Protein backbone atom coordinates (compact mmCIF):
# COMPACT_ATOMS: atom_id res chain seq x y z
CA MET A 1 -25.02 -2.65 -6.26
CA SER A 2 -24.42 -1.01 -2.89
CA THR A 3 -24.87 -2.30 0.64
CA ILE A 4 -24.66 1.11 2.35
CA GLU A 5 -26.38 4.43 1.68
CA PHE A 6 -23.37 6.46 0.61
CA ASN A 7 -25.15 9.65 -0.41
CA ALA A 8 -23.76 12.97 -1.62
CA MET A 9 -23.07 14.17 1.93
CA TRP A 10 -20.88 11.16 2.73
CA ARG A 11 -19.19 11.34 -0.66
CA GLU A 12 -18.29 14.97 0.03
CA LYS A 13 -17.01 14.08 3.51
CA LEU A 14 -14.75 11.41 2.05
CA LEU A 15 -13.46 13.68 -0.72
CA ASN A 16 -12.77 16.65 1.56
CA ARG A 17 -11.09 14.45 4.16
CA PHE A 18 -8.77 12.98 1.56
CA LEU A 19 -7.96 16.40 0.09
CA SER A 20 -7.12 17.75 3.54
CA TYR A 21 -4.79 14.80 4.23
CA VAL A 22 -2.81 14.99 0.99
CA LYS A 23 -2.10 18.69 1.47
CA ILE A 24 -0.20 17.92 4.68
CA TYR A 25 3.49 17.30 3.99
CA SER A 26 4.40 13.94 5.57
CA THR A 27 7.23 12.34 3.58
CA SER A 28 9.33 9.86 5.56
CA ASP A 29 13.15 9.66 5.49
CA ALA A 30 15.14 6.42 5.45
CA GLU A 31 18.27 8.25 6.62
CA SER A 32 16.69 9.20 9.93
CA GLU A 33 16.81 6.85 12.92
CA ALA A 34 13.94 8.64 14.70
CA THR A 35 10.32 7.45 14.85
CA PRO A 36 8.59 9.05 13.09
CA SER A 37 11.56 9.54 10.81
CA THR A 38 10.51 13.15 10.08
CA GLU A 39 9.05 15.80 12.36
CA ARG A 40 6.58 16.78 9.63
CA GLN A 41 4.70 13.50 10.09
CA TRP A 42 3.46 14.78 13.45
CA ASP A 43 1.34 17.35 11.59
CA ILE A 44 -0.92 14.80 9.95
CA ALA A 45 -0.76 12.44 12.95
CA ASN A 46 -2.12 15.10 15.30
CA TYR A 47 -4.70 16.11 12.70
CA ILE A 48 -6.03 12.54 12.48
CA VAL A 49 -6.11 12.20 16.27
CA GLU A 50 -8.33 15.27 16.60
CA GLU A 51 -10.61 13.94 13.84
CA LEU A 52 -11.04 10.61 15.60
CA LYS A 53 -11.97 12.35 18.83
CA THR A 54 -14.39 14.68 17.05
CA ILE A 55 -16.32 11.90 15.32
CA GLY A 56 -16.71 9.98 18.57
CA LEU A 57 -14.17 7.16 18.74
CA GLU A 58 -13.23 5.90 22.19
CA ASN A 59 -9.80 5.64 23.82
CA VAL A 60 -8.08 7.62 21.07
CA SER A 61 -4.34 7.75 21.68
CA ILE A 62 -1.06 8.66 20.04
CA ASP A 63 2.19 7.38 21.51
CA ASP A 64 5.67 8.88 21.57
CA ASN A 65 6.47 7.24 18.21
CA GLY A 66 3.44 8.58 16.36
CA TYR A 67 1.30 5.42 16.40
CA ILE A 68 -2.41 6.27 16.56
CA MET A 69 -5.13 3.98 17.88
CA GLY A 70 -8.85 4.43 18.49
CA TYR A 71 -11.97 2.29 18.85
CA VAL A 72 -15.52 2.18 17.57
CA PRO A 73 -17.37 0.52 20.47
CA SER A 74 -19.53 -2.54 19.95
CA ASN A 75 -23.26 -1.91 19.67
CA LEU A 76 -24.30 -5.53 20.22
CA GLU A 77 -26.43 -6.42 23.26
CA ASN A 78 -24.56 -9.64 23.91
CA ASP A 79 -21.13 -8.96 22.52
CA ASN A 80 -19.05 -12.10 22.21
CA GLN A 81 -17.42 -10.94 19.01
CA SER A 82 -13.67 -10.54 18.68
CA THR A 83 -12.26 -7.07 18.02
CA ILE A 84 -11.14 -6.62 14.42
CA GLY A 85 -8.96 -3.81 13.13
CA PHE A 86 -8.18 -1.59 10.15
CA ILE A 87 -4.78 0.02 9.64
CA SER A 88 -3.18 2.48 7.23
CA HIS A 89 -0.06 4.64 7.13
CA TYR A 90 0.08 8.40 6.94
CA ASP A 91 3.62 8.94 5.64
CA THR A 92 4.30 9.32 1.93
CA SER A 93 7.13 7.95 -0.16
CA PRO A 94 10.50 9.74 -0.38
CA ASP A 95 10.74 8.54 -4.01
CA PHE A 96 9.22 11.84 -5.19
CA SER A 97 8.39 15.20 -3.66
CA GLY A 98 5.42 15.21 -1.29
CA GLU A 99 5.75 18.87 -0.35
CA ASN A 100 3.14 21.44 -1.34
CA VAL A 101 0.78 18.90 -2.89
CA LYS A 102 -1.94 20.62 -4.91
CA PRO A 103 -4.64 18.04 -5.62
CA GLN A 104 -6.99 18.54 -8.53
CA VAL A 105 -10.50 17.09 -8.81
CA TRP A 106 -11.76 16.08 -12.25
CA LYS A 107 -15.46 15.23 -12.29
CA ASN A 108 -16.98 12.96 -14.93
CA TYR A 109 -13.65 12.06 -16.56
CA ASP A 110 -14.13 11.80 -20.33
CA GLY A 111 -11.30 9.40 -21.18
CA ASN A 112 -9.02 11.98 -22.81
CA ASP A 113 -5.68 13.48 -21.80
CA LEU A 114 -5.66 15.47 -18.57
CA VAL A 115 -3.29 18.46 -18.70
CA LEU A 116 -2.37 18.64 -15.03
CA ASN A 117 -0.19 21.72 -15.34
CA GLN A 118 -0.85 24.45 -17.90
CA THR A 119 2.56 26.01 -17.28
CA THR A 120 4.69 22.90 -17.80
CA GLY A 121 2.30 20.98 -20.02
CA PHE A 122 2.54 17.95 -17.71
CA THR A 123 -0.11 15.50 -18.91
CA LEU A 124 -1.74 12.35 -17.58
CA SER A 125 -2.67 10.40 -20.68
CA PRO A 126 -4.44 7.07 -21.35
CA SER A 127 -1.95 6.56 -24.18
CA LYS A 128 0.72 6.09 -21.50
CA PHE A 129 -1.53 4.75 -18.71
CA GLU A 130 -4.23 2.61 -20.26
CA SER A 131 -5.84 2.00 -16.85
CA LEU A 132 -7.33 5.50 -17.05
CA LYS A 133 -9.95 4.15 -19.46
CA LYS A 134 -11.46 2.17 -16.57
CA TYR A 135 -12.47 5.41 -14.88
CA ILE A 136 -14.45 7.13 -17.61
CA GLY A 137 -17.41 8.90 -16.03
CA GLN A 138 -15.86 8.89 -12.56
CA THR A 139 -14.32 11.62 -10.40
CA LEU A 140 -10.52 11.54 -10.47
CA ILE A 141 -8.15 13.21 -8.04
CA THR A 142 -4.69 13.95 -9.45
CA THR A 143 -1.59 16.04 -8.75
CA ASP A 144 -0.51 19.20 -10.55
CA GLY A 145 2.46 17.30 -11.97
CA ASN A 146 5.00 18.64 -9.46
CA THR A 147 4.50 16.16 -6.61
CA LEU A 148 3.15 12.75 -5.83
CA LEU A 149 -0.47 12.69 -4.64
CA GLY A 150 -0.19 10.63 -1.47
CA ALA A 151 -3.10 8.28 -2.11
CA ASP A 152 -0.57 5.76 -0.82
CA ASP A 153 -1.81 5.68 1.84
CA LYS A 154 -3.83 8.74 2.69
CA ALA A 155 -6.66 7.21 0.68
CA GLY A 156 -6.59 4.33 3.17
CA CYS A 157 -6.53 6.76 6.09
CA ALA A 158 -9.52 8.69 4.72
CA GLU A 159 -11.45 5.49 4.04
CA ILE A 160 -10.95 4.10 7.55
CA VAL A 161 -11.86 7.36 9.28
CA THR A 162 -14.92 7.82 7.05
CA ALA A 163 -16.06 4.22 7.64
CA ALA A 164 -15.70 4.73 11.40
CA GLU A 165 -17.71 7.96 11.24
CA TYR A 166 -20.36 6.24 9.11
CA LEU A 167 -20.74 3.36 11.55
CA ILE A 168 -21.05 5.68 14.54
CA ALA A 169 -23.72 7.66 12.65
CA HIS A 170 -25.63 4.46 11.74
CA PRO A 171 -26.18 2.48 14.96
CA GLU A 172 -28.67 0.26 13.12
CA ILE A 173 -25.62 -1.44 11.58
CA LYS A 174 -24.73 -3.98 14.26
CA HIS A 175 -21.09 -4.80 14.85
CA GLY A 176 -18.52 -5.75 17.43
CA ARG A 177 -15.67 -3.58 18.66
CA ILE A 178 -13.54 -2.10 15.88
CA ALA A 179 -9.95 -0.95 16.32
CA VAL A 180 -8.37 1.55 13.94
CA GLY A 181 -4.65 2.28 13.71
CA PHE A 182 -2.45 4.69 11.77
CA THR A 183 1.30 4.34 11.45
CA PRO A 184 4.34 6.39 10.40
CA ASP A 185 7.25 5.33 8.20
CA GLU A 186 5.67 2.48 6.24
CA GLU A 187 7.28 3.78 3.06
CA ILE A 188 10.76 3.19 4.48
CA GLY A 189 9.92 -0.31 5.75
CA ARG A 190 9.48 0.62 9.42
CA GLY A 191 5.74 1.17 9.66
CA ALA A 192 5.02 -1.61 12.12
CA HIS A 193 8.34 -1.80 13.97
CA LYS A 194 6.96 -0.17 17.11
CA PHE A 195 3.28 -1.03 16.74
CA ASP A 196 1.83 -2.23 20.05
CA VAL A 197 -0.19 -5.27 18.98
CA ALA A 198 -1.30 -6.05 22.54
CA LYS A 199 -2.62 -2.53 23.06
CA PHE A 200 -4.42 -2.60 19.70
CA GLY A 201 -6.32 -5.62 20.99
CA ALA A 202 -7.59 -7.05 17.71
CA GLU A 203 -7.75 -10.74 16.81
CA PHE A 204 -7.00 -9.86 13.20
CA ALA A 205 -6.92 -6.72 11.05
CA TYR A 206 -6.72 -5.42 7.50
CA THR A 207 -4.40 -2.82 6.02
CA MET A 208 -6.18 -0.54 3.55
CA ASP A 209 -3.12 -0.01 1.41
CA GLY A 210 -3.63 -1.74 -1.94
CA GLY A 211 -4.15 -0.38 -5.43
CA GLU A 212 -7.14 -0.72 -7.71
CA VAL A 213 -10.59 -1.89 -6.68
CA GLY A 214 -10.76 -5.60 -5.84
CA GLU A 215 -7.16 -6.13 -4.77
CA LEU A 216 -6.88 -8.53 -1.83
CA GLU A 217 -3.44 -9.72 -0.83
CA TYR A 218 -2.03 -12.03 1.77
CA GLU A 219 1.43 -12.64 0.36
CA ASN A 220 4.18 -10.17 -0.45
CA PHE A 221 7.88 -9.78 -1.09
CA ASN A 222 10.56 -10.66 1.40
CA ALA A 223 12.39 -7.36 1.68
CA ALA A 224 15.75 -5.95 2.66
CA GLY A 225 17.53 -2.64 2.23
CA ALA A 226 21.19 -2.47 1.25
CA VAL A 227 23.53 0.52 1.47
CA VAL A 228 26.74 0.20 -0.54
CA LYS A 229 29.48 2.75 0.18
CA ILE A 230 32.37 3.12 -2.24
CA HIS A 231 35.43 5.07 -1.13
CA GLY A 232 37.63 7.09 -3.46
CA LEU A 233 40.56 9.47 -3.14
CA SER A 234 40.11 13.11 -4.06
CA VAL A 235 43.04 15.22 -5.23
CA HIS A 236 43.23 18.29 -7.43
CA PRO A 237 42.38 17.17 -10.99
CA GLY A 238 45.44 18.97 -12.30
CA TYR A 239 47.69 16.74 -10.22
CA ALA A 240 45.54 13.61 -10.28
CA PHE A 241 47.64 11.33 -12.52
CA GLY A 242 48.19 8.04 -10.75
CA LYS A 243 46.62 9.31 -7.55
CA MET A 244 42.93 10.12 -7.89
CA VAL A 245 40.41 7.37 -7.28
CA ASN A 246 36.99 8.59 -8.42
CA ALA A 247 34.29 6.98 -6.28
CA SER A 248 31.58 8.00 -8.75
CA LEU A 249 33.26 6.11 -11.59
CA LEU A 250 33.79 3.08 -9.37
CA ALA A 251 30.13 3.21 -8.42
CA ALA A 252 29.13 3.11 -12.07
CA GLU A 253 31.18 -0.05 -12.43
CA PHE A 254 29.58 -1.63 -9.37
CA ILE A 255 26.08 -0.83 -10.59
CA GLN A 256 26.81 -2.58 -13.87
CA SER A 257 27.96 -5.69 -11.99
CA LEU A 258 24.40 -6.47 -10.88
CA PRO A 259 22.06 -8.30 -13.30
CA ALA A 260 20.51 -5.82 -15.74
CA ASN A 261 17.45 -8.05 -16.22
CA GLU A 262 16.64 -8.21 -12.48
CA THR A 263 15.30 -4.72 -11.86
CA PRO A 264 11.70 -3.57 -11.21
CA SER A 265 11.25 -2.57 -14.86
CA THR A 266 12.38 -5.96 -16.18
CA THR A 267 10.51 -8.28 -13.79
CA LYS A 268 6.90 -9.12 -12.96
CA GLY A 269 4.73 -11.62 -11.09
CA PHE A 270 6.80 -13.56 -8.59
CA ASP A 271 10.17 -12.41 -9.99
CA GLY A 272 12.51 -10.75 -7.53
CA PHE A 273 14.83 -7.82 -8.18
CA TYR A 274 17.56 -5.45 -7.08
CA HIS A 275 16.42 -1.82 -7.19
CA LEU A 276 18.79 1.13 -7.06
CA MET A 277 16.79 3.73 -5.15
CA ASP A 278 19.24 6.57 -4.70
CA ILE A 279 22.79 7.73 -5.41
CA ALA A 280 24.71 10.33 -3.40
CA SER A 281 28.14 10.77 -4.88
CA ASP A 282 31.30 12.82 -5.29
CA VAL A 283 34.92 11.91 -5.97
CA SER A 284 35.63 10.90 -2.38
CA GLU A 285 32.62 8.70 -1.66
CA CYS A 286 29.52 7.30 -3.28
CA LYS A 287 26.56 5.88 -1.42
CA LEU A 288 24.19 3.58 -3.29
CA GLN A 289 20.84 2.71 -1.70
CA TYR A 290 19.27 -0.51 -2.92
CA ILE A 291 16.21 -2.52 -2.02
CA ILE A 292 16.29 -6.30 -2.45
CA ARG A 293 13.03 -8.16 -3.06
CA ASP A 294 11.88 -11.75 -3.67
CA HIS A 295 8.73 -13.73 -2.85
CA ASP A 296 10.63 -16.99 -2.42
CA GLU A 297 12.50 -17.21 0.87
CA GLU A 298 15.46 -19.22 -0.48
CA LYS A 299 15.88 -16.90 -3.46
CA PHE A 300 15.66 -13.92 -1.11
CA GLU A 301 18.49 -15.26 1.04
CA ALA A 302 20.49 -15.94 -2.13
CA ARG A 303 19.98 -12.35 -3.28
CA LYS A 304 21.34 -10.94 -0.03
CA LYS A 305 24.38 -13.21 -0.28
CA PHE A 306 24.86 -12.25 -3.93
CA MET A 307 24.95 -8.55 -3.04
CA ALA A 308 27.56 -9.18 -0.33
CA GLN A 309 29.55 -11.37 -2.74
CA LYS A 310 29.63 -8.62 -5.38
CA VAL A 311 31.04 -6.20 -2.82
CA ALA A 312 33.71 -8.75 -1.85
CA GLU A 313 34.64 -9.26 -5.51
CA PHE A 314 34.82 -5.51 -5.99
CA ASN A 315 37.29 -5.24 -3.10
CA GLU A 316 39.41 -8.06 -4.54
CA LYS A 317 39.71 -6.05 -7.75
CA HIS A 318 40.16 -2.54 -6.35
CA GLY A 319 41.67 -3.12 -2.92
CA GLU A 320 40.30 -4.10 0.47
CA GLY A 321 38.09 -1.41 1.96
CA THR A 322 37.18 0.19 -1.35
CA ALA A 323 33.56 -0.87 -0.88
CA GLU A 324 31.39 -1.86 2.06
CA VAL A 325 27.77 -2.94 2.37
CA GLU A 326 25.18 -2.95 5.12
CA ILE A 327 22.10 -5.11 4.55
CA LYS A 328 19.06 -4.75 6.81
CA GLU A 329 15.93 -6.87 6.65
CA GLN A 330 12.67 -4.93 6.38
CA TYR A 331 9.86 -7.49 6.30
CA ARG A 332 9.01 -11.06 5.32
CA ASN A 333 6.38 -12.72 3.13
CA MET A 334 3.28 -13.03 5.31
CA LYS A 335 1.75 -15.95 3.37
CA GLN A 336 2.86 -18.62 5.82
CA GLN A 337 1.19 -16.72 8.65
CA PHE A 338 -2.22 -17.49 7.12
CA GLU A 339 -1.99 -21.26 7.29
CA GLY A 340 -5.19 -22.27 9.08
CA LYS A 341 -6.44 -18.65 9.07
CA MET A 342 -7.78 -18.25 5.56
CA HIS A 343 -11.22 -17.36 6.98
CA ILE A 344 -9.78 -13.85 7.45
CA VAL A 345 -9.10 -13.55 3.72
CA ASP A 346 -12.43 -15.21 2.88
CA LEU A 347 -14.30 -12.66 5.00
CA ALA A 348 -12.80 -9.79 3.00
CA ALA A 349 -13.55 -11.55 -0.29
CA LYS A 350 -17.19 -12.02 0.75
CA ALA A 351 -17.44 -8.35 1.76
CA MET A 352 -16.17 -7.33 -1.68
CA LYS A 353 -18.66 -9.55 -3.48
CA GLU A 354 -21.49 -8.05 -1.43
CA ALA A 355 -20.34 -4.65 -2.71
CA GLY A 356 -20.44 -5.89 -6.29
CA ILE A 357 -16.67 -6.25 -6.53
CA GLU A 358 -14.86 -9.29 -7.90
CA PRO A 359 -11.90 -9.99 -5.58
CA LYS A 360 -8.48 -10.00 -7.23
CA ILE A 361 -6.37 -12.15 -4.94
CA LYS A 362 -2.72 -11.76 -5.85
CA ALA A 363 0.74 -11.38 -4.42
CA ILE A 364 1.96 -7.87 -3.62
CA ARG A 365 4.98 -6.73 -5.58
CA GLY A 366 5.88 -4.64 -2.60
CA GLY A 367 5.22 -4.60 1.10
CA THR A 368 2.71 -3.48 3.64
CA ASP A 369 2.57 -2.95 7.38
CA GLY A 370 0.44 -6.10 7.42
CA ALA A 371 3.46 -8.24 6.57
CA GLN A 372 5.30 -7.25 9.74
CA LEU A 373 2.14 -7.25 11.83
CA SER A 374 1.30 -10.79 10.74
CA TYR A 375 4.66 -11.93 12.15
CA MET A 376 3.95 -9.98 15.33
CA GLY A 377 0.81 -12.04 15.99
CA LEU A 378 -1.77 -9.88 14.20
CA PRO A 379 -2.83 -11.58 10.93
CA CYS A 380 -3.34 -8.69 8.54
CA PRO A 381 -4.20 -9.08 4.83
CA ASN A 382 -4.12 -6.06 2.54
CA ILE A 383 -7.20 -4.55 0.87
CA PHE A 384 -7.38 -2.05 -1.98
CA ALA A 385 -7.43 1.68 -1.22
CA GLY A 386 -7.95 2.67 -4.85
CA GLY A 387 -4.81 4.61 -5.79
CA ILE A 388 -2.98 4.14 -9.09
CA ASN A 389 0.62 5.01 -10.17
CA PHE A 390 1.94 5.41 -6.64
CA HIS A 391 5.14 7.29 -5.72
CA GLY A 392 5.20 9.76 -8.59
CA PRO A 393 3.51 12.73 -10.29
CA TYR A 394 1.21 10.49 -12.36
CA GLU A 395 -0.51 9.18 -9.23
CA TYR A 396 -4.30 9.39 -9.14
CA VAL A 397 -7.31 7.90 -7.39
CA ALA A 398 -11.00 7.72 -8.28
CA LEU A 399 -13.43 8.92 -5.63
CA GLU A 400 -15.70 6.00 -6.53
CA SER A 401 -12.88 3.55 -5.71
CA MET A 402 -12.51 5.12 -2.29
CA GLU A 403 -16.26 4.84 -1.73
CA LYS A 404 -16.09 1.14 -2.53
CA ALA A 405 -13.27 0.72 0.00
CA VAL A 406 -15.46 2.32 2.68
CA GLU A 407 -18.27 -0.03 1.71
CA VAL A 408 -16.00 -3.06 2.02
CA ILE A 409 -14.91 -1.98 5.51
CA VAL A 410 -18.56 -1.64 6.58
CA ASN A 411 -19.43 -5.03 5.06
CA ILE A 412 -16.59 -6.70 6.94
CA VAL A 413 -17.67 -5.35 10.32
CA LYS A 414 -21.32 -6.22 9.64
CA ALA A 415 -20.26 -9.82 9.06
């Protein structure tokens, strides 16, 4: 079942656009205070801007912080429709290398192991990732095993740009004004911090930033980042008796003080967690980067207090000033922002059904620009972009999933 004529030409456009995006190095950096957090993000930002101009969007702009906006004009004779928007982010996660991405295209996947790298033997296997079996007969795009792919969220970027190009090329599809936006730094929790909602001018919008086909989300984690610094004392190891304080060993003790059963790998559904993202350590100092997540607001506040309490207890044991913590909020659960506005979610669900997709409405075990934007006055549920196994070398996306995302965008604007 299809509601648009997505022929081989458009399929090739979508594929080539996505491949060109993922080859551009655009990893963000939580350590940087700049926006975008890395200079390399300007490369893909400027590339997208030129694409939007080329395919005919109006009022295409990019501001000093790398936020891109453009508009597909209304083609209605008597346009009393509100502007709606679609948003995605062009940075990729710092969790794994995003440099020198070499995407591979596997047509008519047969359900067996894919050896992504003949030199290293790196393999994407359905024995480890059972979800691969869902994509037998489809076209998969993978990595070469040395980097992440970047389908999070360059698949969303490619889908939005392709949908905009399709609508401009098909004026018989009647629609109101459509705003499109592309943001930096979503992967480090800052994707919407400087987004100009008033300039965007939409009544509501959708982020194309979810996973498998059918995902539709309007609630997410409450999120904070925590940096724990542990201070040691470095002296020559030959003269260290009674003097050396090894920050790395202290850090190991602190890590063990947090609940072992409250990590991403031991929780699911609505369970929250503490996630140790990174360690930078030597004898003198250790820096631990955590993210704190919970869907429930009270439990989220309790988690932040618990982290601070553990640092205080650590200082009681090892001496004041041994450890310090800085906790910064990143985003909040957007669910409460949809009270009285569920027609926005219903519209997306209807668009999916028209495309032959059964909506899978669930809570995000993560975040999205839409969470922050919803609190900034732009209600913004999250729709699937098609990628699987984000943030690592096993990441892949099916071209057919991306096509369905384009179809859903078109169905929404038609409605």
